[in-house]
Amino acid sequence: MDTPRTGTLGSTPSRPPASNLGQSGFSILEVLIAIIILSIGMLGAVGMQAAAMQANKETRNQAAAATLGRELAEKMRGNHTVAIKTTAADNPYLFDSTLTGTSTIATPSVNCFTAGCPTPKDAASWDVADWKGRVLNALPTPRAKVCFDKDPFDSAGKPRWACTGDGDVTVLKVSWTRSNTAGTLEFAADVTGTGVPVVVIPLTAGSSE
């Protein structure tokens, strides 16, 4: 005798309740964790971009300082009879200036554009004033020093502002307001601070012959 069948003919087998099926998709906790991880990654990318922009800015400033240093060296070689003198009273190319505005640049007594330069010293004064103006436009609050120096670096190889005051070669030392490798802001205008020259360039004026 056949076993009686339940249900209607052709009906599909009944399915278990939905509560017994495996759940799919993401929970709120998983979504929150993903958002946190994504946020950390984005913050890291922003930080790297900011560091790269700062590094590019410092590279441009260093390149500008090096270019200006070469220009000053050319001016000194073109006026070497003045540039080889060892005192600032006789040699306007020897100076130590922190440039915070146009008022810090001394105006030469003679305008070489309109009156010409009667003496080589007048030409040197004009060269220095013109050079300082371009340095001020190129670098943020720069400090520039030119002196005779046989030893511009200390025993650890770190550049320093102090000069020996003797030797046969003048040295240009330049710095500006910048963030150092520790992330601390160094102000070139603070001559008593711990900041050091960023660029040190020897300037050969030539000989008196």
Protein backbone atom coordinates (compact mmCIF):
# COMPACT_ATOMS: atom_id res chain seq x y z
CA MET A 1 0.00 0.00 0.00
CA ASP A 2 1.41 3.33 -1.01
CA THR A 3 2.41 5.87 1.61
CA PRO A 4 0.14 8.89 1.43
CA ARG A 5 1.77 12.07 0.27
CA THR A 6 1.12 15.44 1.72
CA GLY A 7 0.83 18.68 -0.17
CA THR A 8 -0.46 19.38 -3.59
CA LEU A 9 0.78 17.83 -6.72
CA GLY A 10 3.79 19.59 -8.26
CA SER A 11 4.48 21.81 -5.24
CA THR A 12 8.13 22.58 -4.32
CA PRO A 13 9.64 21.37 -1.07
CA SER A 14 9.12 23.73 1.79
CA ARG A 15 12.17 25.94 2.76
CA PRO A 16 13.48 26.47 6.23
CA PRO A 17 12.65 29.76 7.93
CA ALA A 18 14.77 32.74 6.92
CA SER A 19 16.17 32.95 10.42
CA ASN A 20 18.02 29.69 9.83
CA LEU A 21 19.82 30.92 6.71
CA GLY A 22 23.41 32.33 6.84
CA GLN A 23 23.43 36.13 6.90
CA SER A 24 25.30 38.06 4.16
CA GLY A 25 26.60 41.66 3.80
CA PHE A 26 28.48 43.90 6.27
CA SER A 27 27.62 44.76 9.79
CA ILE A 28 27.74 48.31 11.11
CA LEU A 29 30.88 47.49 13.09
CA GLU A 30 32.70 46.27 9.98
CA VAL A 31 31.76 49.43 8.09
CA LEU A 32 33.00 51.62 10.92
CA ILE A 33 36.32 49.76 11.06
CA ALA A 34 36.75 50.16 7.30
CA ILE A 35 36.03 53.90 7.55
CA ILE A 36 38.61 54.28 10.35
CA ILE A 37 41.28 52.45 8.37
CA LEU A 38 40.52 54.53 5.27
CA SER A 39 40.69 57.75 7.31
CA ILE A 40 44.09 56.81 8.74
CA GLY A 41 45.38 56.12 5.26
CA MET A 42 44.08 59.44 3.95
CA LEU A 43 45.63 61.34 6.86
CA GLY A 44 48.96 59.67 6.16
CA ALA A 45 48.75 60.62 2.49
CA VAL A 46 47.94 64.24 3.39
CA GLY A 47 50.90 64.34 5.78
CA MET A 48 53.25 62.96 3.12
CA GLN A 49 52.00 65.53 0.63
CA ALA A 50 52.56 68.37 3.09
CA ALA A 51 56.09 67.12 3.82
CA ALA A 52 56.82 66.84 0.10
CA MET A 53 55.60 70.40 -0.49
CA GLN A 54 57.79 71.69 2.35
CA ALA A 55 60.80 69.81 0.98
CA ASN A 56 60.20 71.23 -2.50
CA LYS A 57 59.96 74.72 -1.05
CA GLU A 58 63.26 74.34 0.80
CA THR A 59 64.89 72.94 -2.33
CA ARG A 60 63.77 75.99 -4.31
CA ASN A 61 65.09 78.32 -1.60
CA GLN A 62 68.46 76.56 -1.55
CA ALA A 63 68.71 76.71 -5.32
CA ALA A 64 67.86 80.44 -5.26
CA ALA A 65 70.48 81.08 -2.56
CA ALA A 66 73.13 79.20 -4.54
CA THR A 67 72.30 81.15 -7.71
CA LEU A 68 72.46 84.47 -5.85
CA GLY A 69 75.78 83.42 -4.33
CA ARG A 70 77.27 82.79 -7.76
CA GLU A 71 76.02 86.18 -8.92
CA LEU A 72 77.70 87.90 -5.98
CA ALA A 73 80.93 86.04 -6.71
CA GLU A 74 80.83 87.33 -10.29
CA LYS A 75 80.32 90.89 -9.08
CA MET A 76 83.28 90.56 -6.72
CA ARG A 77 85.52 89.14 -9.42
CA GLY A 78 84.52 92.03 -11.66
CA ASN A 79 85.55 94.47 -8.92
CA HIS A 80 88.38 92.50 -7.35
CA THR A 81 90.50 95.51 -6.36
CA VAL A 82 87.84 96.30 -3.75
CA ALA A 83 86.77 92.71 -3.01
CA ILE A 84 90.24 91.65 -1.82
CA LYS A 85 90.39 94.32 0.89
CA THR A 86 90.09 92.84 4.37
CA THR A 87 88.10 95.52 6.23
CA ALA A 88 84.43 96.38 5.86
CA ALA A 89 85.30 100.09 5.84
CA ASP A 90 87.20 99.60 2.57
CA ASN A 91 85.27 96.63 1.22
CA PRO A 92 81.45 96.93 0.99
CA TYR A 93 81.30 93.27 -0.04
CA LEU A 94 82.00 92.35 3.60
CA PHE A 95 78.72 92.57 5.52
CA ASP A 96 76.37 90.78 7.89
CA SER A 97 72.73 91.69 7.28
CA THR A 98 69.40 90.28 8.38
CA LEU A 99 66.87 91.52 5.86
CA THR A 100 63.37 92.07 7.23
CA GLY A 101 62.26 94.79 4.82
CA THR A 102 63.47 97.34 2.31
CA SER A 103 64.42 99.69 5.17
CA THR A 104 67.20 97.29 6.21
CA ILE A 105 68.97 97.79 2.88
CA ALA A 106 71.20 100.85 3.01
CA THR A 107 70.81 103.14 0.02
CA PRO A 108 74.17 103.79 -1.70
CA SER A 109 75.36 107.38 -1.65
CA VAL A 110 75.79 107.28 -5.42
CA ASN A 111 73.16 106.06 -7.88
CA CYS A 112 75.21 104.20 -10.46
CA PHE A 113 72.30 104.10 -12.89
CA THR A 114 71.92 107.87 -13.13
CA ALA A 115 75.28 109.27 -12.04
CA GLY A 116 77.59 106.40 -12.83
CA CYS A 117 80.02 104.96 -10.30
CA PRO A 118 82.91 107.37 -9.73
CA THR A 119 84.99 104.85 -7.80
CA PRO A 120 85.23 101.03 -7.55
CA LYS A 121 84.03 101.29 -3.95
CA ASP A 122 80.87 103.10 -5.09
CA ALA A 123 80.29 100.29 -7.59
CA ALA A 124 80.71 97.74 -4.82
CA SER A 125 78.19 99.53 -2.60
CA TRP A 126 75.72 99.58 -5.47
CA ASP A 127 76.31 95.89 -6.20
CA VAL A 128 75.65 94.92 -2.59
CA ALA A 129 72.47 97.01 -2.27
CA ASP A 130 71.08 95.58 -5.50
CA TRP A 131 72.01 92.03 -4.45
CA LYS A 132 70.41 92.37 -1.02
CA GLY A 133 67.17 93.56 -2.61
CA ARG A 134 66.98 90.46 -4.78
CA VAL A 135 67.82 88.19 -1.84
CA LEU A 136 65.01 89.77 0.17
CA ASN A 137 62.58 89.10 -2.70
CA ALA A 138 63.73 85.50 -3.15
CA LEU A 139 63.98 84.24 0.45
CA PRO A 140 61.78 84.63 3.56
CA THR A 141 63.46 86.94 6.09
CA PRO A 142 66.99 86.04 5.00
CA ARG A 143 70.29 86.61 6.74
CA ALA A 144 73.42 86.92 4.62
CA LYS A 145 77.00 87.28 5.79
CA VAL A 146 80.19 87.67 3.77
CA CYS A 147 83.51 87.45 5.57
CA PHE A 148 87.02 86.11 5.35
CA ASP A 149 86.92 82.68 6.94
CA LYS A 150 89.44 79.85 6.91
CA ASP A 151 87.19 77.53 8.87
CA PRO A 152 83.44 78.01 8.21
CA PHE A 153 82.55 74.65 9.83
CA ASP A 154 82.93 73.43 13.40
CA SER A 155 84.56 70.17 14.51
CA ALA A 156 81.32 68.28 13.83
CA GLY A 157 81.11 69.60 10.27
CA LYS A 158 78.25 71.94 11.11
CA PRO A 159 78.28 75.40 9.45
CA ARG A 160 78.54 78.39 11.77
CA TRP A 161 78.07 82.14 11.55
CA ALA A 162 81.31 83.03 13.31
CA CYS A 163 84.24 83.88 11.01
CA THR A 164 87.96 83.68 11.60
CA GLY A 165 88.43 87.04 9.87
CA ASP A 166 91.53 85.92 7.98
CA GLY A 167 92.48 83.74 5.05
CA ASP A 168 92.54 84.33 1.32
CA VAL A 169 88.94 83.43 0.48
CA THR A 170 85.73 85.22 1.38
CA VAL A 171 82.76 83.05 2.30
CA LEU A 172 79.06 83.73 1.82
CA LYS A 173 76.77 82.32 4.52
CA VAL A 174 73.02 82.46 3.96
CA SER A 175 70.00 81.37 5.95
CA TRP A 176 66.30 82.20 6.06
CA THR A 177 63.22 81.50 8.15
CA ARG A 178 62.61 77.79 7.70
CA SER A 179 61.57 74.54 9.34
CA ASN A 180 64.55 72.40 10.27
CA THR A 181 64.66 68.60 10.11
CA ALA A 182 63.17 68.38 13.61
CA GLY A 183 60.14 70.39 12.47
CA THR A 184 61.15 73.41 14.56
CA LEU A 185 60.86 76.85 12.97
CA GLU A 186 64.21 78.65 12.78
CA PHE A 187 64.23 82.41 12.41
CA ALA A 188 67.22 83.79 10.56
CA ALA A 189 66.51 87.20 12.09
CA ASP A 190 67.26 85.79 15.55
CA VAL A 191 71.04 86.23 15.49
CA THR A 192 71.28 84.90 19.05
CA GLY A 193 69.36 81.73 18.23
CA THR A 194 70.66 78.27 17.44
CA GLY A 195 70.05 78.54 13.72
CA VAL A 196 72.99 77.87 11.42
CA PRO A 197 73.73 78.91 7.85
CA VAL A 198 71.89 76.79 5.32
CA VAL A 199 74.14 77.63 2.37
CA VAL A 200 77.90 78.25 2.61
CA ILE A 201 79.65 79.30 -0.60
CA PRO A 202 83.30 80.33 -1.01
CA LEU A 203 83.68 83.51 -3.06
CA THR A 204 86.97 83.95 -4.87
CA ALA A 205 87.54 87.58 -5.73
CA GLY A 206 90.78 87.01 -7.59
CA SER A 207 94.13 88.71 -7.04
CA SER A 208 95.21 92.34 -7.10
CA GLU A 209 97.40 91.78 -10.13
